[in-house]
Amino acid sequence: MRSLLLLPLLLIAAAPARADWTPLSAKALAVLCHATDTTKHAQCLGYVSGIYDLQFAPKLPSGVCPPANLDAELLAEVVTAYLDTHEDGPAAEAIGQSVVRFFPCGTGAAKKP
């Protein structure tokens, strides 16, 4: 019984530290999104879609109106256009900024990056 109580502590102590993890950069995301390799492009689509869902799917902020036909490919195109014209930084932040800038409400057309 006593060994069962110690097992979780041993597993925690044996787990590698995660201090070396860094967020994906905008430049690294741009490389994935521009890739002709289908696996790398799929990584772009998955990352962009996941961050979009986390930032915008629960409730769109005021002033943001994505089109009804928004899908992962269109979203990746918008994000890539933003990435190509802006400084490097956190990829997640760039995704949020691209959505806010390209899909404002009431203009009838997307803004330029």
PDB file of N, CA and C in Angstrom:
ATOM      1  N   MET A   1       0.827  -1.196   0.000  1.00  0.00           N
ATOM      2  CA  MET A   1       0.000   0.000   0.000  1.00  0.00           C
ATOM      3  C   MET A   1       0.868   1.256   0.000  1.00  0.00           C
ATOM      4  N   ARG A   2       1.904   1.222   0.813  1.00  0.00           N
ATOM      5  CA  ARG A   2       2.782   2.381   0.925  1.00  0.00           C
ATOM      6  C   ARG A   2       3.477   2.683  -0.406  1.00  0.00           C
ATOM      7  N   SER A   3       3.817   1.636  -1.150  1.00  0.00           N
ATOM      8  CA  SER A   3       4.477   1.830  -2.441  1.00  0.00           C
ATOM      9  C   SER A   3       3.520   2.481  -3.452  1.00  0.00           C
ATOM     10  N   LEU A   4       2.233   2.217  -3.329  1.00  0.00           N
ATOM     11  CA  LEU A   4       1.263   2.855  -4.210  1.00  0.00           C
ATOM     12  C   LEU A   4       1.174   4.360  -3.954  1.00  0.00           C
ATOM     13  N   LEU A   5       1.386   4.772  -2.735  1.00  0.00           N
ATOM     14  CA  LEU A   5       1.359   6.186  -2.410  1.00  0.00           C
ATOM     15  C   LEU A   5       2.608   6.901  -2.916  1.00  0.00           C
ATOM     16  N   LEU A   6       3.721   6.183  -2.959  1.00  0.00           N
ATOM     17  CA  LEU A   6       4.974   6.785  -3.407  1.00  0.00           C
ATOM     18  C   LEU A   6       5.105   6.824  -4.927  1.00  0.00           C
ATOM     19  N   LEU A   7       4.382   5.964  -5.625  1.00  0.00           N
ATOM     20  CA  LEU A   7       4.497   5.884  -7.071  1.00  0.00           C
ATOM     21  C   LEU A   7       4.225   7.218  -7.772  1.00  0.00           C
ATOM     22  N   PRO A   8       3.160   7.942  -7.457  1.00  0.00           N
ATOM     23  CA  PRO A   8       2.948   9.232  -8.129  1.00  0.00           C
ATOM     24  C   PRO A   8       4.093  10.212  -7.897  1.00  0.00           C
ATOM     25  N   LEU A   9       4.655  10.222  -6.700  1.00  0.00           N
ATOM     26  CA  LEU A   9       5.771  11.119  -6.411  1.00  0.00           C
ATOM     27  C   LEU A   9       6.998  10.755  -7.227  1.00  0.00           C
ATOM     28  N   LEU A  10       7.241   9.465  -7.396  1.00  0.00           N
ATOM     29  CA  LEU A  10       8.379   9.024  -8.203  1.00  0.00           C
ATOM     30  C   LEU A  10       8.184   9.387  -9.670  1.00  0.00           C
ATOM     31  N   LEU A  11       6.976   9.262 -10.162  1.00  0.00           N
ATOM     32  CA  LEU A  11       6.694   9.614 -11.559  1.00  0.00           C
ATOM     33  C   LEU A  11       6.864  11.110 -11.799  1.00  0.00           C
ATOM     34  N   ILE A  12       6.437  11.921 -10.866  1.00  0.00           N
ATOM     35  CA  ILE A  12       6.603  13.370 -10.994  1.00  0.00           C
ATOM     36  C   ILE A  12       8.079  13.735 -10.976  1.00  0.00           C
ATOM     37  N   ALA A  13       8.833  13.128 -10.093  1.00  0.00           N
ATOM     38  CA  ALA A  13      10.265  13.424  -9.995  1.00  0.00           C
ATOM     39  C   ALA A  13      11.011  12.966 -11.239  1.00  0.00           C
ATOM     40  N   ALA A  14      10.557  11.900 -11.884  1.00  0.00           N
ATOM     41  CA  ALA A  14      11.233  11.370 -13.062  1.00  0.00           C
ATOM     42  C   ALA A  14      10.838  12.086 -14.344  1.00  0.00           C
ATOM     43  N   ALA A  15       9.764  12.870 -14.314  1.00  0.00           N
ATOM     44  CA  ALA A  15       9.301  13.562 -15.516  1.00  0.00           C
ATOM     45  C   ALA A  15      10.296  14.646 -15.919  1.00  0.00           C
ATOM     46  N   PRO A  16      10.571  14.763 -17.216  1.00  0.00           N
ATOM     47  CA  PRO A  16      11.507  15.796 -17.660  1.00  0.00           C
ATOM     48  C   PRO A  16      10.910  17.190 -17.477  1.00  0.00           C
ATOM     49  N   ALA A  17      11.767  18.132 -17.213  1.00  0.00           N
ATOM     50  CA  ALA A  17      11.324  19.518 -17.044  1.00  0.00           C
ATOM     51  C   ALA A  17      10.887  20.082 -18.390  1.00  0.00           C
ATOM     52  N   ARG A  18       9.923  20.962 -18.391  1.00  0.00           N
ATOM     53  CA  ARG A  18       9.394  21.568 -19.617  1.00  0.00           C
ATOM     54  C   ARG A  18       9.866  23.008 -19.789  1.00  0.00           C
ATOM     55  N   ALA A  19      10.927  23.367 -19.137  1.00  0.00           N
ATOM     56  CA  ALA A  19      11.409  24.745 -19.186  1.00  0.00           C
ATOM     57  C   ALA A  19      11.935  25.128 -20.561  1.00  0.00           C
ATOM     58  N   ASP A  20      12.236  24.167 -21.423  1.00  0.00           N
ATOM     59  CA  ASP A  20      12.799  24.468 -22.727  1.00  0.00           C
ATOM     60  C   ASP A  20      11.740  24.763 -23.792  1.00  0.00           C
ATOM     61  N   TRP A  21      10.473  24.698 -23.444  1.00  0.00           N
ATOM     62  CA  TRP A  21       9.406  24.965 -24.402  1.00  0.00           C
ATOM     63  C   TRP A  21       9.292  26.454 -24.656  1.00  0.00           C
ATOM     64  N   THR A  22       9.174  26.828 -25.923  1.00  0.00           N
ATOM     65  CA  THR A  22       8.932  28.221 -26.287  1.00  0.00           C
ATOM     66  C   THR A  22       7.768  28.262 -27.262  1.00  0.00           C
ATOM     67  N   PRO A  23       6.986  29.320 -27.215  1.00  0.00           N
ATOM     68  CA  PRO A  23       5.847  29.431 -28.133  1.00  0.00           C
ATOM     69  C   PRO A  23       6.323  29.517 -29.582  1.00  0.00           C
ATOM     70  N   LEU A  24       5.493  29.097 -30.495  1.00  0.00           N
ATOM     71  CA  LEU A  24       5.788  29.181 -31.919  1.00  0.00           C
ATOM     72  C   LEU A  24       5.876  30.643 -32.333  1.00  0.00           C
ATOM     73  N   SER A  25       6.889  30.974 -33.116  1.00  0.00           N
ATOM     74  CA  SER A  25       7.032  32.353 -33.576  1.00  0.00           C
ATOM     75  C   SER A  25       6.240  32.563 -34.865  1.00  0.00           C
ATOM     76  N   ALA A  26       5.961  33.810 -35.164  1.00  0.00           N
ATOM     77  CA  ALA A  26       5.243  34.158 -36.385  1.00  0.00           C
ATOM     78  C   ALA A  26       6.032  33.715 -37.612  1.00  0.00           C
ATOM     79  N   LYS A  27       7.343  33.895 -37.588  1.00  0.00           N
ATOM     80  CA  LYS A  27       8.177  33.482 -38.734  1.00  0.00           C
ATOM     81  C   LYS A  27       8.126  31.969 -38.927  1.00  0.00           C
ATOM     82  N   ALA A  28       8.172  31.216 -37.844  1.00  0.00           N
ATOM     83  CA  ALA A  28       8.108  29.758 -37.946  1.00  0.00           C
ATOM     84  C   ALA A  28       6.747  29.322 -38.489  1.00  0.00           C
ATOM     85  N   LEU A  29       5.692  30.001 -38.083  1.00  0.00           N
ATOM     86  CA  LEU A  29       4.357  29.698 -38.605  1.00  0.00           C
ATOM     87  C   LEU A  29       4.283  30.035 -40.087  1.00  0.00           C
ATOM     88  N   ALA A  30       4.881  31.147 -40.499  1.00  0.00           N
ATOM     89  CA  ALA A  30       4.887  31.525 -41.915  1.00  0.00           C
ATOM     90  C   ALA A  30       5.571  30.456 -42.760  1.00  0.00           C
ATOM     91  N   VAL A  31       6.648  29.888 -42.245  1.00  0.00           N
ATOM     92  CA  VAL A  31       7.347  28.814 -42.969  1.00  0.00           C
ATOM     93  C   VAL A  31       6.410  27.629 -43.174  1.00  0.00           C
ATOM     94  N   LEU A  32       5.678  27.262 -42.131  1.00  0.00           N
ATOM     95  CA  LEU A  32       4.728  26.151 -42.246  1.00  0.00           C
ATOM     96  C   LEU A  32       3.609  26.470 -43.231  1.00  0.00           C
ATOM     97  N   CYS A  33       3.110  27.686 -43.171  1.00  0.00           N
ATOM     98  CA  CYS A  33       1.979  28.061 -44.023  1.00  0.00           C
ATOM     99  C   CYS A  33       2.371  28.189 -45.494  1.00  0.00           C
ATOM    100  N   HIS A  34       3.615  28.552 -45.771  1.00  0.00           N
ATOM    101  CA  HIS A  34       4.099  28.661 -47.147  1.00  0.00           C
ATOM    102  C   HIS A  34       4.588  27.332 -47.705  1.00  0.00           C
ATOM    103  N   ALA A  35       4.701  26.327 -46.864  1.00  0.00           N
ATOM    104  CA  ALA A  35       5.261  25.040 -47.281  1.00  0.00           C
ATOM    105  C   ALA A  35       4.406  24.367 -48.350  1.00  0.00           C
ATOM    106  N   THR A  36       5.080  23.747 -49.312  1.00  0.00           N
ATOM    107  CA  THR A  36       4.376  22.951 -50.318  1.00  0.00           C
ATOM    108  C   THR A  36       4.195  21.513 -49.831  1.00  0.00           C
ATOM    109  N   ASP A  37       4.978  21.139 -48.827  1.00  0.00           N
ATOM    110  CA  ASP A  37       4.843  19.815 -48.215  1.00  0.00           C
ATOM    111  C   ASP A  37       3.495  19.765 -47.487  1.00  0.00           C
ATOM    112  N   THR A  38       2.691  18.768 -47.810  1.00  0.00           N
ATOM    113  CA  THR A  38       1.333  18.710 -47.255  1.00  0.00           C
ATOM    114  C   THR A  38       1.315  18.549 -45.737  1.00  0.00           C
ATOM    115  N   THR A  39       2.300  17.864 -45.182  1.00  0.00           N
ATOM    116  CA  THR A  39       2.345  17.682 -43.730  1.00  0.00           C
ATOM    117  C   THR A  39       2.605  19.011 -43.030  1.00  0.00           C
ATOM    118  N   LYS A  40       3.553  19.772 -43.539  1.00  0.00           N
ATOM    119  CA  LYS A  40       3.861  21.070 -42.940  1.00  0.00           C
ATOM    120  C   LYS A  40       2.690  22.034 -43.107  1.00  0.00           C
ATOM    121  N   HIS A  41       2.070  22.022 -44.289  1.00  0.00           N
ATOM    122  CA  HIS A  41       0.919  22.910 -44.497  1.00  0.00           C
ATOM    123  C   HIS A  41      -0.231  22.517 -43.572  1.00  0.00           C
ATOM    124  N   ALA A  42      -0.408  21.226 -43.350  1.00  0.00           N
ATOM    125  CA  ALA A  42      -1.448  20.756 -42.423  1.00  0.00           C
ATOM    126  C   ALA A  42      -1.156  21.225 -41.002  1.00  0.00           C
ATOM    127  N   GLN A  43       0.128  21.287 -40.629  1.00  0.00           N
ATOM    128  CA  GLN A  43       0.492  21.811 -39.312  1.00  0.00           C
ATOM    129  C   GLN A  43       0.083  23.283 -39.211  1.00  0.00           C
ATOM    130  N   CYS A  44       0.293  24.027 -40.283  1.00  0.00           N
ATOM    131  CA  CYS A  44      -0.145  25.428 -40.320  1.00  0.00           C
ATOM    132  C   CYS A  44      -1.650  25.519 -40.105  1.00  0.00           C
ATOM    133  N   LEU A  45      -2.408  24.753 -40.879  1.00  0.00           N
ATOM    134  CA  LEU A  45      -3.870  24.794 -40.778  1.00  0.00           C
ATOM    135  C   LEU A  45      -4.342  24.421 -39.378  1.00  0.00           C
ATOM    136  N   GLY A  46      -3.747  23.398 -38.809  1.00  0.00           N
ATOM    137  CA  GLY A  46      -4.138  22.965 -37.470  1.00  0.00           C
ATOM    138  C   GLY A  46      -3.819  24.006 -36.411  1.00  0.00           C
ATOM    139  N   TYR A  47      -2.635  24.592 -36.499  1.00  0.00           N
ATOM    140  CA  TYR A  47      -2.239  25.591 -35.510  1.00  0.00           C
ATOM    141  C   TYR A  47      -3.132  26.826 -35.615  1.00  0.00           C
ATOM    142  N   VAL A  48      -3.300  27.319 -36.832  1.00  0.00           N
ATOM    143  CA  VAL A  48      -4.112  28.524 -37.039  1.00  0.00           C
ATOM    144  C   VAL A  48      -5.547  28.278 -36.593  1.00  0.00           C
ATOM    145  N   SER A  49      -6.106  27.145 -36.953  1.00  0.00           N
ATOM    146  CA  SER A  49      -7.485  26.825 -36.558  1.00  0.00           C
ATOM    147  C   SER A  49      -7.623  26.695 -35.053  1.00  0.00           C
ATOM    148  N   GLY A  50      -6.651  26.053 -34.415  1.00  0.00           N
ATOM    149  CA  GLY A  50      -6.703  25.882 -32.969  1.00  0.00           C
ATOM    150  C   GLY A  50      -6.635  27.202 -32.225  1.00  0.00           C
ATOM    151  N   ILE A  51      -5.717  28.061 -32.637  1.00  0.00           N
ATOM    152  CA  ILE A  51      -5.603  29.370 -31.989  1.00  0.00           C
ATOM    153  C   ILE A  51      -6.844  30.201 -32.252  1.00  0.00           C
ATOM    154  N   TYR A  52      -7.374  30.154 -33.466  1.00  0.00           N
ATOM    155  CA  TYR A  52      -8.611  30.877 -33.778  1.00  0.00           C
ATOM    156  C   TYR A  52      -9.734  30.399 -32.860  1.00  0.00           C
ATOM    157  N   ASP A  53      -9.873  29.101 -32.729  1.00  0.00           N
ATOM    158  CA  ASP A  53     -10.929  28.557 -31.865  1.00  0.00           C
ATOM    159  C   ASP A  53     -10.772  29.035 -30.427  1.00  0.00           C
ATOM    160  N   LEU A  54      -9.548  29.033 -29.943  1.00  0.00           N
ATOM    161  CA  LEU A  54      -9.312  29.483 -28.561  1.00  0.00           C
ATOM    162  C   LEU A  54      -9.612  30.971 -28.373  1.00  0.00           C
ATOM    163  N   GLN A  55      -9.270  31.775 -29.369  1.00  0.00           N
ATOM    164  CA  GLN A  55      -9.417  33.221 -29.222  1.00  0.00           C
ATOM    165  C   GLN A  55     -10.792  33.744 -29.636  1.00  0.00           C
ATOM    166  N   PHE A  56     -11.417  33.108 -30.638  1.00  0.00           N
ATOM    167  CA  PHE A  56     -12.614  33.710 -31.224  1.00  0.00           C
ATOM    168  C   PHE A  56     -13.859  32.832 -31.234  1.00  0.00           C
ATOM    169  N   ALA A  57     -13.712  31.525 -31.131  1.00  0.00           N
ATOM    170  CA  ALA A  57     -14.882  30.661 -31.262  1.00  0.00           C
ATOM    171  C   ALA A  57     -15.883  30.792 -30.118  1.00  0.00           C
ATOM    172  N   PRO A  58     -15.425  30.923 -28.872  1.00  0.00           N
ATOM    173  CA  PRO A  58     -16.435  31.025 -27.822  1.00  0.00           C
ATOM    174  C   PRO A  58     -17.355  32.229 -28.039  1.00  0.00           C
ATOM    175  N   LYS A  59     -16.780  33.380 -28.342  1.00  0.00           N
ATOM    176  CA  LYS A  59     -17.576  34.582 -28.583  1.00  0.00           C
ATOM    177  C   LYS A  59     -16.693  35.574 -29.319  1.00  0.00           C
ATOM    178  N   LEU A  60     -17.158  35.990 -30.487  1.00  0.00           N
ATOM    179  CA  LEU A  60     -16.402  36.977 -31.251  1.00  0.00           C
ATOM    180  C   LEU A  60     -16.401  38.310 -30.518  1.00  0.00           C
ATOM    181  N   PRO A  61     -15.250  38.970 -30.482  1.00  0.00           N
ATOM    182  CA  PRO A  61     -15.220  40.290 -29.849  1.00  0.00           C
ATOM    183  C   PRO A  61     -15.979  41.309 -30.694  1.00  0.00           C
ATOM    184  N   SER A  62     -16.402  42.354 -30.068  1.00  0.00           N
ATOM    185  CA  SER A  62     -17.105  43.423 -30.767  1.00  0.00           C
ATOM    186  C   SER A  62     -16.225  43.971 -31.879  1.00  0.00           C
ATOM    187  N   GLY A  63     -16.811  44.160 -33.055  1.00  0.00           N
ATOM    188  CA  GLY A  63     -16.084  44.726 -34.178  1.00  0.00           C
ATOM    189  C   GLY A  63     -15.411  43.709 -35.077  1.00  0.00           C
ATOM    190  N   VAL A  64     -15.502  42.423 -34.747  1.00  0.00           N
ATOM    191  CA  VAL A  64     -14.903  41.373 -35.572  1.00  0.00           C
ATOM    192  C   VAL A  64     -16.023  40.561 -36.216  1.00  0.00           C
ATOM    193  N   CYS A  65     -16.012  40.515 -37.561  1.00  0.00           N
ATOM    194  CA  CYS A  65     -17.069  39.823 -38.298  1.00  0.00           C
ATOM    195  C   CYS A  65     -16.476  38.979 -39.419  1.00  0.00           C
ATOM    196  N   PRO A  66     -16.006  37.769 -39.110  1.00  0.00           N
ATOM    197  CA  PRO A  66     -15.467  36.915 -40.172  1.00  0.00           C
ATOM    198  C   PRO A  66     -16.578  36.501 -41.132  1.00  0.00           C
ATOM    199  N   PRO A  67     -16.229  36.214 -42.378  1.00  0.00           N
ATOM    200  CA  PRO A  67     -17.247  35.820 -43.349  1.00  0.00           C
ATOM    201  C   PRO A  67     -17.840  34.452 -43.017  1.00  0.00           C
ATOM    202  N   ALA A  68     -19.026  34.214 -43.519  1.00  0.00           N
ATOM    203  CA  ALA A  68     -19.704  32.946 -43.262  1.00  0.00           C
ATOM    204  C   ALA A  68     -18.947  31.768 -43.868  1.00  0.00           C
ATOM    205  N   ASN A  69     -18.185  32.020 -44.929  1.00  0.00           N
ATOM    206  CA  ASN A  69     -17.459  30.934 -45.600  1.00  0.00           C
ATOM    207  C   ASN A  69     -16.046  30.725 -45.044  1.00  0.00           C
ATOM    208  N   LEU A  70     -15.750  31.275 -43.871  1.00  0.00           N
ATOM    209  CA  LEU A  70     -14.425  31.131 -43.284  1.00  0.00           C
ATOM    210  C   LEU A  70     -14.148  29.662 -42.974  1.00  0.00           C
ATOM    211  N   ASP A  71     -13.059  29.154 -43.546  1.00  0.00           N
ATOM    212  CA  ASP A  71     -12.603  27.799 -43.249  1.00  0.00           C
ATOM    213  C   ASP A  71     -11.108  27.865 -42.953  1.00  0.00           C
ATOM    214  N   ALA A  72     -10.509  26.735 -42.666  1.00  0.00           N
ATOM    215  CA  ALA A  72      -9.099  26.709 -42.275  1.00  0.00           C
ATOM    216  C   ALA A  72      -8.190  27.260 -43.367  1.00  0.00           C
ATOM    217  N   GLU A  73      -8.463  26.956 -44.621  1.00  0.00           N
ATOM    218  CA  GLU A  73      -7.633  27.442 -45.731  1.00  0.00           C
ATOM    219  C   GLU A  73      -7.702  28.964 -45.853  1.00  0.00           C
ATOM    220  N   LEU A  74      -8.907  29.528 -45.822  1.00  0.00           N
ATOM    221  CA  LEU A  74      -9.055  30.979 -45.923  1.00  0.00           C
ATOM    222  C   LEU A  74      -8.409  31.656 -44.721  1.00  0.00           C
ATOM    223  N   LEU A  75      -8.610  31.102 -43.561  1.00  0.00           N
ATOM    224  CA  LEU A  75      -8.009  31.660 -42.357  1.00  0.00           C
ATOM    225  C   LEU A  75      -6.483  31.639 -42.469  1.00  0.00           C
ATOM    226  N   ALA A  76      -5.920  30.539 -42.957  1.00  0.00           N
ATOM    227  CA  ALA A  76      -4.469  30.444 -43.124  1.00  0.00           C
ATOM    228  C   ALA A  76      -3.964  31.455 -44.150  1.00  0.00           C
ATOM    229  N   GLU A  77      -4.726  31.708 -45.205  1.00  0.00           N
ATOM    230  CA  GLU A  77      -4.334  32.712 -46.206  1.00  0.00           C
ATOM    231  C   GLU A  77      -4.280  34.104 -45.583  1.00  0.00           C
ATOM    232  N   VAL A  78      -5.274  34.430 -44.794  1.00  0.00           N
ATOM    233  CA  VAL A  78      -5.334  35.730 -44.128  1.00  0.00           C
ATOM    234  C   VAL A  78      -4.169  35.871 -43.145  1.00  0.00           C
ATOM    235  N   VAL A  79      -3.947  34.847 -42.360  1.00  0.00           N
ATOM    236  CA  VAL A  79      -2.862  34.879 -41.382  1.00  0.00           C
ATOM    237  C   VAL A  79      -1.518  34.983 -42.096  1.00  0.00           C
ATOM    238  N   THR A  80      -1.331  34.243 -43.160  1.00  0.00           N
ATOM    239  CA  THR A  80      -0.068  34.278 -43.900  1.00  0.00           C
ATOM    240  C   THR A  80       0.177  35.661 -44.495  1.00  0.00           C
ATOM    241  N   ALA A  81      -0.856  36.286 -45.025  1.00  0.00           N
ATOM    242  CA  ALA A  81      -0.706  37.647 -45.559  1.00  0.00           C
ATOM    243  C   ALA A  81      -0.268  38.608 -44.455  1.00  0.00           C
ATOM    244  N   TYR A  82      -0.816  38.443 -43.288  1.00  0.00           N
ATOM    245  CA  TYR A  82      -0.421  39.284 -42.152  1.00  0.00           C
ATOM    246  C   TYR A  82       1.023  38.985 -41.751  1.00  0.00           C
ATOM    247  N   LEU A  83       1.371  37.712 -41.642  1.00  0.00           N
ATOM    248  CA  LEU A  83       2.718  37.322 -41.236  1.00  0.00           C
ATOM    249  C   LEU A  83       3.775  37.859 -42.198  1.00  0.00           C
ATOM    250  N   ASP A  84       3.448  37.869 -43.478  1.00  0.00           N
ATOM    251  CA  ASP A  84       4.402  38.309 -44.500  1.00  0.00           C
ATOM    252  C   ASP A  84       4.679  39.806 -44.446  1.00  0.00           C
ATOM    253  N   THR A  85       3.843  40.553 -43.778  1.00  0.00           N
ATOM    254  CA  THR A  85       3.984  42.014 -43.784  1.00  0.00           C
ATOM    255  C   THR A  85       4.232  42.610 -42.400  1.00  0.00           C
ATOM    256  N   HIS A  86       4.456  41.771 -41.411  1.00  0.00           N
ATOM    257  CA  HIS A  86       4.657  42.269 -40.049  1.00  0.00           C
ATOM    258  C   HIS A  86       5.891  41.647 -39.410  1.00  0.00           C
ATOM    259  N   GLU A  87       6.346  42.269 -38.357  1.00  0.00           N
ATOM    260  CA  GLU A  87       7.522  41.806 -37.618  1.00  0.00           C
ATOM    261  C   GLU A  87       7.247  40.464 -36.951  1.00  0.00           C
ATOM    262  N   ASP A  88       8.331  39.781 -36.630  1.00  0.00           N
ATOM    263  CA  ASP A  88       8.223  38.510 -35.927  1.00  0.00           C
ATOM    264  C   ASP A  88       7.738  38.744 -34.497  1.00  0.00           C
ATOM    265  N   GLY A  89       7.118  37.764 -33.945  1.00  0.00           N
ATOM    266  CA  GLY A  89       6.608  37.798 -32.581  1.00  0.00           C
ATOM    267  C   GLY A  89       5.906  36.484 -32.325  1.00  0.00           C
ATOM    268  N   PRO A  90       5.118  36.405 -31.284  1.00  0.00           N
ATOM    269  CA  PRO A  90       4.378  35.164 -31.014  1.00  0.00           C
ATOM    270  C   PRO A  90       3.342  34.890 -32.103  1.00  0.00           C
ATOM    271  N   ALA A  91       3.311  33.668 -32.592  1.00  0.00           N
ATOM    272  CA  ALA A  91       2.376  33.299 -33.658  1.00  0.00           C
ATOM    273  C   ALA A  91       0.923  33.476 -33.229  1.00  0.00           C
ATOM    274  N   ALA A  92       0.609  33.116 -32.005  1.00  0.00           N
ATOM    275  CA  ALA A  92      -0.777  33.224 -31.532  1.00  0.00           C
ATOM    276  C   ALA A  92      -1.256  34.677 -31.556  1.00  0.00           C
ATOM    277  N   GLU A  93      -0.388  35.595 -31.180  1.00  0.00           N
ATOM    278  CA  GLU A  93      -0.736  37.011 -31.200  1.00  0.00           C
ATOM    279  C   GLU A  93      -0.946  37.489 -32.638  1.00  0.00           C
ATOM    280  N   ALA A  94      -0.112  37.020 -33.551  1.00  0.00           N
ATOM    281  CA  ALA A  94      -0.246  37.406 -34.965  1.00  0.00           C
ATOM    282  C   ALA A  94      -1.560  36.892 -35.551  1.00  0.00           C
ATOM    283  N   ILE A  95      -1.975  35.709 -35.151  1.00  0.00           N
ATOM    284  CA  ILE A  95      -3.245  35.164 -35.634  1.00  0.00           C
ATOM    285  C   ILE A  95      -4.394  36.053 -35.166  1.00  0.00           C
ATOM    286  N   GLY A  96      -4.393  36.412 -33.905  1.00  0.00           N
ATOM    287  CA  GLY A  96      -5.437  37.291 -33.378  1.00  0.00           C
ATOM    288  C   GLY A  96      -5.455  38.630 -34.086  1.00  0.00           C
ATOM    289  N   GLN A  97      -4.291  39.223 -34.286  1.00  0.00           N
ATOM    290  CA  GLN A  97      -4.211  40.518 -34.965  1.00  0.00           C
ATOM    291  C   GLN A  97      -4.695  40.426 -36.410  1.00  0.00           C
ATOM    292  N   SER A  98      -4.357  39.343 -37.093  1.00  0.00           N
ATOM    293  CA  SER A  98      -4.779  39.215 -38.489  1.00  0.00           C
ATOM    294  C   SER A  98      -6.294  39.115 -38.598  1.00  0.00           C
ATOM    295  N   VAL A  99      -6.914  38.389 -37.705  1.00  0.00           N
ATOM    296  CA  VAL A  99      -8.371  38.255 -37.733  1.00  0.00           C
ATOM    297  C   VAL A  99      -9.039  39.604 -37.458  1.00  0.00           C
ATOM    298  N   VAL A 100      -8.540  40.314 -36.468  1.00  0.00           N
ATOM    299  CA  VAL A 100      -9.109  41.625 -36.125  1.00  0.00           C
ATOM    300  C   VAL A 100      -8.956  42.607 -37.290  1.00  0.00           C
ATOM    301  N   ARG A 101      -7.797  42.594 -37.943  1.00  0.00           N
ATOM    302  CA  ARG A 101      -7.543  43.548 -39.026  1.00  0.00           C
ATOM    303  C   ARG A 101      -8.237  43.191 -40.328  1.00  0.00           C
ATOM    304  N   PHE A 102      -8.341  41.897 -40.640  1.00  0.00           N
ATOM    305  CA  PHE A 102      -8.916  41.486 -41.918  1.00  0.00           C
ATOM    306  C   PHE A 102     -10.432  41.361 -41.888  1.00  0.00           C
ATOM    307  N   PHE A 103     -11.010  41.198 -40.720  1.00  0.00           N
ATOM    308  CA  PHE A 103     -12.451  40.964 -40.642  1.00  0.00           C
ATOM    309  C   PHE A 103     -13.175  41.967 -39.747  1.00  0.00           C
ATOM    310  N   PRO A 104     -13.001  43.265 -40.003  1.00  0.00           N
ATOM    311  CA  PRO A 104     -13.760  44.238 -39.214  1.00  0.00           C
ATOM    312  C   PRO A 104     -15.225  44.240 -39.662  1.00  0.00           C
ATOM    313  N   CYS A 105     -16.097  44.564 -38.772  1.00  0.00           N
ATOM    314  CA  CYS A 105     -17.524  44.624 -39.092  1.00  0.00           C
ATOM    315  C   CYS A 105     -17.864  45.892 -39.878  1.00  0.00           C
ATOM    316  N   GLY A 106     -18.839  45.756 -40.747  1.00  0.00           N
ATOM    317  CA  GLY A 106     -19.420  46.919 -41.389  1.00  0.00           C
ATOM    318  C   GLY A 106     -18.662  47.543 -42.548  1.00  0.00           C
ATOM    319  N   THR A 107     -17.545  46.977 -42.968  1.00  0.00           N
ATOM    320  CA  THR A 107     -16.802  47.600 -44.058  1.00  0.00           C
ATOM    321  C   THR A 107     -17.106  46.970 -45.405  1.00  0.00           C
ATOM    322  N   GLY A 108     -17.619  45.743 -45.394  1.00  0.00           N
ATOM    323  CA  GLY A 108     -17.950  45.076 -46.648  1.00  0.00           C
ATOM    324  C   GLY A 108     -16.759  44.408 -47.303  1.00  0.00           C
ATOM    325  N   ALA A 109     -15.562  44.740 -46.896  1.00  0.00           N
ATOM    326  CA  ALA A 109     -14.353  44.120 -47.452  1.00  0.00           C
ATOM    327  C   ALA A 109     -13.280  44.039 -46.382  1.00  0.00           C
ATOM    328  N   ALA A 110     -12.419  43.099 -46.553  1.00  0.00           N
ATOM    329  CA  ALA A 110     -11.327  42.938 -45.595  1.00  0.00           C
ATOM    330  C   ALA A 110     -10.328  44.065 -45.746  1.00  0.00           C
ATOM    331  N   LYS A 111      -9.760  44.472 -44.630  1.00  0.00           N
ATOM    332  CA  LYS A 111      -8.726  45.504 -44.646  1.00  0.00           C
ATOM    333  C   LYS A 111      -7.422  44.915 -45.143  1.00  0.00           C
ATOM    334  N   LYS A 112      -6.587  45.748 -45.669  1.00  0.00           N
ATOM    335  CA  LYS A 112      -5.249  45.331 -46.087  1.00  0.00           C
ATOM    336  C   LYS A 112      -4.365  45.220 -44.861  1.00  0.00           C
ATOM    337  N   PRO A 113      -3.375  44.300 -44.901  1.00  0.00           N
ATOM    338  CA  PRO A 113      -2.521  44.094 -43.735  1.00  0.00           C
ATOM    339  C   PRO A 113      -1.734  45.291 -43.314  1.00  0.00           C
TER     340      PRO A 113
END
